Amino acid sequence: MRVQVQEENFDPSAELEHFGRGKDTGAVVSFTGIVRNNSEGTLRRMEIEHYPEMTKTALHQIADQAQTRWALNDVLVIHRYGRLTPGARIMMVATASRHRVDAFQAAEFLMDYLKSRAPFWKKEITDQGADWVAARDEDEDALNRW
């Protein structure tokens, strides 16, 4: 298992090059999140803040939960902080397992929990000013399936 909280960009292809490779791995599932523009098309950047030790501990706990619930050979979580513009990579999760169902379900679990429970604070900077991103009901609802 590897959890990275970093300011610098990452290369998903390079991250997956050797991820989960083992004689027992039959599936690797990955997801890369991208900063999307707002509906008005005015997002200049997103600023992501965090407390390093608290964030890393929380991400490890979420990854540990995934490994406990599903038969996984490996887990990767990368989440960026700092100033990110639309189109920038913001996060990545990858799971490796013997069977695809475990890999897919664990990846979805990680994405849902990272979206709603990871301690990051996001501020959107637009042409009109700056606003903190509020929690969304649909993100909370996604947790109910787990």
C-alpha atoms as a PDB file:
ATOM      1  CA  MET A   1       0.000   0.000   0.000  1.00  0.00           C
ATOM      2  CA  ARG A   2       1.222   3.478  -0.855  1.00  0.00           C
ATOM      3  CA  VAL A   3      -0.401   6.777   0.125  1.00  0.00           C
ATOM      4  CA  GLN A   4       1.022  10.015  -1.282  1.00  0.00           C
ATOM      5  CA  VAL A   5      -0.038  13.569  -0.461  1.00  0.00           C
ATOM      6  CA  GLN A   6       1.915  15.883  -2.701  1.00  0.00           C
ATOM      7  CA  GLU A   7       1.977  19.248  -4.383  1.00  0.00           C
ATOM      8  CA  GLU A   8       3.686  18.110  -7.568  1.00  0.00           C
ATOM      9  CA  ASN A   9       1.945  16.533 -10.533  1.00  0.00           C
ATOM     10  CA  PHE A  10       2.086  12.779 -11.176  1.00  0.00           C
ATOM     11  CA  ASP A  11       2.074  10.553 -14.241  1.00  0.00           C
ATOM     12  CA  PRO A  12      -0.695   7.910 -14.062  1.00  0.00           C
ATOM     13  CA  SER A  13       1.026   5.694 -16.638  1.00  0.00           C
ATOM     14  CA  ALA A  14       4.263   5.701 -14.688  1.00  0.00           C
ATOM     15  CA  GLU A  15       2.394   5.014 -11.443  1.00  0.00           C
ATOM     16  CA  LEU A  16       0.704   1.964 -12.995  1.00  0.00           C
ATOM     17  CA  GLU A  17       3.785   0.605 -14.787  1.00  0.00           C
ATOM     18  CA  HIS A  18       4.664  -1.814 -11.981  1.00  0.00           C
ATOM     19  CA  PHE A  19       1.673  -1.390  -9.678  1.00  0.00           C
ATOM     20  CA  GLY A  20       0.182  -4.620  -8.354  1.00  0.00           C
ATOM     21  CA  ARG A  21       2.331  -6.815 -10.539  1.00  0.00           C
ATOM     22  CA  GLY A  22       2.522 -10.210  -8.991  1.00  0.00           C
ATOM     23  CA  LYS A  23       1.713 -13.782  -9.836  1.00  0.00           C
ATOM     24  CA  ASP A  24      -1.590 -13.510  -7.960  1.00  0.00           C
ATOM     25  CA  THR A  25      -2.883 -10.269  -9.540  1.00  0.00           C
ATOM     26  CA  GLY A  26      -5.585 -10.656 -12.160  1.00  0.00           C
ATOM     27  CA  ALA A  27      -7.026  -7.134 -12.146  1.00  0.00           C
ATOM     28  CA  VAL A  28      -5.815  -3.577 -11.747  1.00  0.00           C
ATOM     29  CA  VAL A  29      -8.377  -0.778 -11.589  1.00  0.00           C
ATOM     30  CA  SER A  30      -7.416   2.886 -11.557  1.00  0.00           C
ATOM     31  CA  PHE A  31      -9.139   6.239 -11.485  1.00  0.00           C
ATOM     32  CA  THR A  32      -7.589   9.641 -12.029  1.00  0.00           C
ATOM     33  CA  GLY A  33      -9.517  12.707 -10.923  1.00  0.00           C
ATOM     34  CA  ILE A  34      -9.159  15.939 -12.884  1.00  0.00           C
ATOM     35  CA  VAL A  35      -9.999  19.489 -11.773  1.00  0.00           C
ATOM     36  CA  ARG A  36     -13.094  20.377 -13.772  1.00  0.00           C
ATOM     37  CA  ASN A  37     -14.230  23.855 -14.619  1.00  0.00           C
ATOM     38  CA  ASN A  38     -17.390  25.177 -12.995  1.00  0.00           C
ATOM     39  CA  SER A  39     -20.660  25.300 -14.941  1.00  0.00           C
ATOM     40  CA  GLU A  40     -20.080  28.955 -15.848  1.00  0.00           C
ATOM     41  CA  GLY A  41     -16.586  28.232 -17.185  1.00  0.00           C
ATOM     42  CA  THR A  42     -15.006  30.855 -14.914  1.00  0.00           C
ATOM     43  CA  LEU A  43     -12.778  28.723 -12.659  1.00  0.00           C
ATOM     44  CA  ARG A  44      -9.276  30.147 -12.677  1.00  0.00           C
ATOM     45  CA  ARG A  45      -7.867  27.725 -10.131  1.00  0.00           C
ATOM     46  CA  MET A  46      -8.638  25.595  -7.116  1.00  0.00           C
ATOM     47  CA  GLU A  47      -6.601  25.970  -3.958  1.00  0.00           C
ATOM     48  CA  ILE A  48      -6.426  22.845  -1.794  1.00  0.00           C
ATOM     49  CA  GLU A  49      -5.260  23.061   1.806  1.00  0.00           C
ATOM     50  CA  HIS A  50      -4.639  20.343   4.392  1.00  0.00           C
ATOM     51  CA  TYR A  51      -2.854  19.491   7.627  1.00  0.00           C
ATOM     52  CA  PRO A  52      -0.179  16.985   6.530  1.00  0.00           C
ATOM     53  CA  GLU A  53      -0.179  14.524   9.443  1.00  0.00           C
ATOM     54  CA  MET A  54      -3.959  14.531   9.826  1.00  0.00           C
ATOM     55  CA  THR A  55      -4.450  14.058   6.084  1.00  0.00           C
ATOM     56  CA  LYS A  56      -1.940  11.247   5.698  1.00  0.00           C
ATOM     57  CA  THR A  57      -3.384   9.426   8.727  1.00  0.00           C
ATOM     58  CA  ALA A  58      -6.934   9.719   7.370  1.00  0.00           C
ATOM     59  CA  LEU A  59      -5.937   8.493   3.904  1.00  0.00           C
ATOM     60  CA  HIS A  60      -4.109   5.516   5.405  1.00  0.00           C
ATOM     61  CA  GLN A  61      -7.207   4.656   7.449  1.00  0.00           C
ATOM     62  CA  ILE A  62      -9.413   4.768   4.342  1.00  0.00           C
ATOM     63  CA  ALA A  63      -6.947   2.583   2.405  1.00  0.00           C
ATOM     64  CA  ASP A  64      -6.728   0.153   5.344  1.00  0.00           C
ATOM     65  CA  GLN A  65     -10.537  -0.144   5.356  1.00  0.00           C
ATOM     66  CA  ALA A  66     -10.475  -1.057   1.664  1.00  0.00           C
ATOM     67  CA  GLN A  67      -7.841  -3.718   2.266  1.00  0.00           C
ATOM     68  CA  THR A  68      -9.889  -5.144   5.132  1.00  0.00           C
ATOM     69  CA  ARG A  69     -13.139  -5.286   3.131  1.00  0.00           C
ATOM     70  CA  TRP A  70     -11.780  -6.687  -0.146  1.00  0.00           C
ATOM     71  CA  ALA A  71      -9.076  -9.159  -1.099  1.00  0.00           C
ATOM     72  CA  LEU A  72      -6.519  -6.705  -2.441  1.00  0.00           C
ATOM     73  CA  ASN A  73      -2.912  -7.251  -3.398  1.00  0.00           C
ATOM     74  CA  ASP A  74      -2.084  -3.566  -3.469  1.00  0.00           C
ATOM     75  CA  VAL A  75      -3.587  -0.083  -3.014  1.00  0.00           C
ATOM     76  CA  LEU A  76      -2.364   3.271  -4.272  1.00  0.00           C
ATOM     77  CA  VAL A  77      -3.768   6.655  -3.243  1.00  0.00           C
ATOM     78  CA  ILE A  78      -2.313   9.926  -4.523  1.00  0.00           C
ATOM     79  CA  HIS A  79      -3.891  13.276  -3.680  1.00  0.00           C
ATOM     80  CA  ARG A  80      -2.493  16.673  -4.556  1.00  0.00           C
ATOM     81  CA  TYR A  81      -2.721  19.980  -2.729  1.00  0.00           C
ATOM     82  CA  GLY A  82      -1.834  23.544  -3.607  1.00  0.00           C
ATOM     83  CA  ARG A  83      -2.949  25.581  -6.609  1.00  0.00           C
ATOM     84  CA  LEU A  84      -4.472  23.538  -9.415  1.00  0.00           C
ATOM     85  CA  THR A  85      -5.998  24.798 -12.650  1.00  0.00           C
ATOM     86  CA  PRO A  86      -8.841  23.197 -14.637  1.00  0.00           C
ATOM     87  CA  GLY A  87      -7.571  20.100 -16.396  1.00  0.00           C
ATOM     88  CA  ALA A  88      -4.908  19.345 -13.774  1.00  0.00           C
ATOM     89  CA  ARG A  89      -4.716  15.924 -12.148  1.00  0.00           C
ATOM     90  CA  ILE A  90      -5.955  16.163  -8.568  1.00  0.00           C
ATOM     91  CA  MET A  91      -5.971  12.562  -7.352  1.00  0.00           C
ATOM     92  CA  MET A  92      -5.549   8.930  -8.293  1.00  0.00           C
ATOM     93  CA  VAL A  93      -6.559   5.633  -6.774  1.00  0.00           C
ATOM     94  CA  ALA A  94      -5.532   2.199  -7.949  1.00  0.00           C
ATOM     95  CA  THR A  95      -6.375  -1.234  -6.633  1.00  0.00           C
ATOM     96  CA  ALA A  96      -4.953  -4.625  -7.529  1.00  0.00           C
ATOM     97  CA  SER A  97      -6.543  -7.960  -6.739  1.00  0.00           C
ATOM     98  CA  ARG A  98      -6.887 -11.515  -7.939  1.00  0.00           C
ATOM     99  CA  HIS A  99     -10.395 -10.804  -9.255  1.00  0.00           C
ATOM    100  CA  ARG A 100     -11.880  -7.734 -10.953  1.00  0.00           C
ATOM    101  CA  VAL A 101     -14.934  -7.413  -8.674  1.00  0.00           C
ATOM    102  CA  ASP A 102     -12.769  -6.764  -5.618  1.00  0.00           C
ATOM    103  CA  ALA A 103     -10.592  -4.303  -7.547  1.00  0.00           C
ATOM    104  CA  PHE A 104     -13.582  -2.347  -8.928  1.00  0.00           C
ATOM    105  CA  GLN A 105     -15.510  -2.234  -5.653  1.00  0.00           C
ATOM    106  CA  ALA A 106     -12.482  -1.221  -3.610  1.00  0.00           C
ATOM    107  CA  ALA A 107     -11.608   1.540  -6.094  1.00  0.00           C
ATOM    108  CA  GLU A 108     -15.166   2.911  -5.943  1.00  0.00           C
ATOM    109  CA  PHE A 109     -15.120   2.755  -2.143  1.00  0.00           C
ATOM    110  CA  LEU A 110     -11.827   4.676  -2.063  1.00  0.00           C
ATOM    111  CA  MET A 111     -13.117   7.331  -4.461  1.00  0.00           C
ATOM    112  CA  ASP A 112     -16.339   7.833  -2.481  1.00  0.00           C
ATOM    113  CA  TYR A 113     -14.566   8.058   0.863  1.00  0.00           C
ATOM    114  CA  LEU A 114     -11.807  10.312  -0.420  1.00  0.00           C
ATOM    115  CA  LYS A 115     -14.402  12.675  -1.878  1.00  0.00           C
ATOM    116  CA  SER A 116     -16.359  12.941   1.377  1.00  0.00           C
ATOM    117  CA  ARG A 117     -14.016  12.086   4.247  1.00  0.00           C
ATOM    118  CA  ALA A 118     -10.484  13.071   3.293  1.00  0.00           C
ATOM    119  CA  PRO A 119      -9.540  16.223   5.232  1.00  0.00           C
ATOM    120  CA  PHE A 120      -8.849  18.621   2.389  1.00  0.00           C
ATOM    121  CA  TRP A 121     -10.278  22.130   2.144  1.00  0.00           C
ATOM    122  CA  LYS A 122     -10.920  23.372  -1.376  1.00  0.00           C
ATOM    123  CA  LYS A 123     -11.376  26.954  -2.451  1.00  0.00           C
ATOM    124  CA  GLU A 124     -12.510  27.853  -5.965  1.00  0.00           C
ATOM    125  CA  ILE A 125     -11.048  31.052  -7.394  1.00  0.00           C
ATOM    126  CA  THR A 126     -13.198  32.481 -10.204  1.00  0.00           C
ATOM    127  CA  ASP A 127     -13.528  35.712 -12.112  1.00  0.00           C
ATOM    128  CA  GLN A 128     -16.065  36.773  -9.449  1.00  0.00           C
ATOM    129  CA  GLY A 129     -13.952  35.997  -6.378  1.00  0.00           C
ATOM    130  CA  ALA A 130     -13.262  33.025  -4.105  1.00  0.00           C
ATOM    131  CA  ASP A 131     -15.572  30.497  -2.409  1.00  0.00           C
ATOM    132  CA  TRP A 132     -14.908  27.446  -0.280  1.00  0.00           C
ATOM    133  CA  VAL A 133     -16.336  24.254  -1.769  1.00  0.00           C
ATOM    134  CA  ALA A 134     -19.192  22.916   0.369  1.00  0.00           C
ATOM    135  CA  ALA A 135     -20.021  19.253   0.913  1.00  0.00           C
ATOM    136  CA  ARG A 136     -22.636  17.957  -1.502  1.00  0.00           C
ATOM    137  CA  ASP A 137     -25.578  15.749  -0.543  1.00  0.00           C
ATOM    138  CA  GLU A 138     -24.951  13.351  -3.432  1.00  0.00           C
ATOM    139  CA  ASP A 139     -21.391  12.740  -2.219  1.00  0.00           C
ATOM    140  CA  GLU A 140     -22.691  11.883   1.238  1.00  0.00           C
ATOM    141  CA  ASP A 141     -25.411   9.667  -0.280  1.00  0.00           C
ATOM    142  CA  ALA A 142     -22.749   7.707  -2.165  1.00  0.00           C
ATOM    143  CA  LEU A 143     -21.328   6.550   1.186  1.00  0.00           C
ATOM    144  CA  ASN A 144     -24.579   4.824   2.132  1.00  0.00           C
ATOM    145  CA  ARG A 145     -23.932   1.918  -0.225  1.00  0.00           C
ATOM    146  CA  TRP A 146     -20.818   0.971   1.737  1.00  0.00           C
END
